[in-house]
Amino acid sequence: MLRLRNARGWSQQALAGEANLSLRYLAGVERGEENPSLDTLIAIADALAVSPASLFE
C-alpha cells in the first residue's frame, strides 16, 4: 500500500481522506499495527484505483 500511495505522490492524509478512514488508523495499517477488515482493504484499493490483491504485492 505504501508503494502504491507513494507512486501517486499522496500523503497518508490524502489517502485516508479518499478512503474515508482516519489518518491514525491508516498509518497503523501501513505500519502493520492494525488489522484492517476486508471492507477497509476494499476502500483503500478503491481509493488507489487498484484491485485489493494489489495491496499484497
C-alpha atoms as a PDB file:
ATOM      1  CA  MET A   1       0.000   0.000   0.000  1.00  0.00           C
ATOM      2  CA  LEU A   2       2.811   2.399   0.856  1.00  0.00           C
ATOM      3  CA  ARG A   3       4.402   1.805  -2.555  1.00  0.00           C
ATOM      4  CA  LEU A   4       1.118   2.486  -4.336  1.00  0.00           C
ATOM      5  CA  ARG A   5       0.444   5.593  -2.261  1.00  0.00           C
ATOM      6  CA  ASN A   6       3.915   6.979  -2.861  1.00  0.00           C
ATOM      7  CA  ALA A   7       3.699   6.235  -6.591  1.00  0.00           C
ATOM      8  CA  ARG A   8       0.716   8.600  -6.711  1.00  0.00           C
ATOM      9  CA  GLY A   9       2.507  11.226  -4.665  1.00  0.00           C
ATOM     10  CA  TRP A  10      -0.174  11.052  -1.981  1.00  0.00           C
ATOM     11  CA  SER A  11       0.324  11.702   1.704  1.00  0.00           C
ATOM     12  CA  GLN A  12      -1.232   9.414   4.289  1.00  0.00           C
ATOM     13  CA  GLN A  13      -3.742  12.162   4.934  1.00  0.00           C
ATOM     14  CA  ALA A  14      -4.767  12.284   1.263  1.00  0.00           C
ATOM     15  CA  LEU A  15      -5.282   8.518   1.084  1.00  0.00           C
ATOM     16  CA  ALA A  16      -7.131   8.458   4.392  1.00  0.00           C
ATOM     17  CA  GLY A  17      -9.493  11.119   3.066  1.00  0.00           C
ATOM     18  CA  GLU A  18     -10.077   9.305  -0.218  1.00  0.00           C
ATOM     19  CA  ALA A  19     -10.728   6.008   1.592  1.00  0.00           C
ATOM     20  CA  ASN A  20     -12.857   7.679   4.294  1.00  0.00           C
ATOM     21  CA  LEU A  21     -10.561   6.448   7.078  1.00  0.00           C
ATOM     22  CA  SER A  22      -8.952   8.259   9.963  1.00  0.00           C
ATOM     23  CA  LEU A  23      -5.330   9.231   9.428  1.00  0.00           C
ATOM     24  CA  ARG A  24      -4.311   7.481  12.647  1.00  0.00           C
ATOM     25  CA  TYR A  25      -5.948   4.219  11.564  1.00  0.00           C
ATOM     26  CA  LEU A  26      -4.458   4.305   8.057  1.00  0.00           C
ATOM     27  CA  ALA A  27      -0.996   4.974   9.492  1.00  0.00           C
ATOM     28  CA  GLY A  28      -1.450   1.974  11.782  1.00  0.00           C
ATOM     29  CA  VAL A  29      -2.427  -0.203   8.828  1.00  0.00           C
ATOM     30  CA  GLU A  30       0.693   0.865   6.939  1.00  0.00           C
ATOM     31  CA  ARG A  31       2.884   0.097   9.962  1.00  0.00           C
ATOM     32  CA  GLY A  32       1.232  -3.305  10.441  1.00  0.00           C
ATOM     33  CA  GLU A  33      -0.201  -2.322  13.813  1.00  0.00           C
ATOM     34  CA  GLU A  34      -3.845  -2.543  12.719  1.00  0.00           C
ATOM     35  CA  ASN A  35      -5.671  -5.482  11.169  1.00  0.00           C
ATOM     36  CA  PRO A  36      -7.994  -3.973   8.564  1.00  0.00           C
ATOM     37  CA  SER A  37     -11.251  -5.650   7.639  1.00  0.00           C
ATOM     38  CA  LEU A  38     -11.966  -6.729   4.079  1.00  0.00           C
ATOM     39  CA  ASP A  39     -14.236  -3.699   3.697  1.00  0.00           C
ATOM     40  CA  THR A  40     -11.372  -1.423   4.733  1.00  0.00           C
ATOM     41  CA  LEU A  41      -8.980  -3.069   2.279  1.00  0.00           C
ATOM     42  CA  ILE A  42     -11.535  -2.628  -0.485  1.00  0.00           C
ATOM     43  CA  ALA A  43     -11.973   1.051   0.438  1.00  0.00           C
ATOM     44  CA  ILE A  44      -8.201   1.588   0.293  1.00  0.00           C
ATOM     45  CA  ALA A  45      -7.921  -0.278  -3.007  1.00  0.00           C
ATOM     46  CA  ASP A  46     -10.813   1.716  -4.491  1.00  0.00           C
ATOM     47  CA  ALA A  47      -9.200   4.975  -3.390  1.00  0.00           C
ATOM     48  CA  LEU A  48      -5.957   3.930  -5.083  1.00  0.00           C
ATOM     49  CA  ALA A  49      -7.863   2.638  -8.153  1.00  0.00           C
ATOM     50  CA  VAL A  50      -6.285  -0.822  -7.896  1.00  0.00           C
ATOM     51  CA  SER A  51      -7.551  -4.317  -7.123  1.00  0.00           C
ATOM     52  CA  PRO A  52      -7.493  -5.364  -3.467  1.00  0.00           C
ATOM     53  CA  ALA A  53      -4.962  -8.082  -4.385  1.00  0.00           C
ATOM     54  CA  SER A  54      -2.526  -5.337  -5.452  1.00  0.00           C
ATOM     55  CA  LEU A  55      -2.224  -4.273  -1.826  1.00  0.00           C
ATOM     56  CA  PHE A  56      -0.434  -7.543  -1.059  1.00  0.00           C
ATOM     57  CA  GLU A  57       2.122  -7.480  -3.884  1.00  0.00           C
END
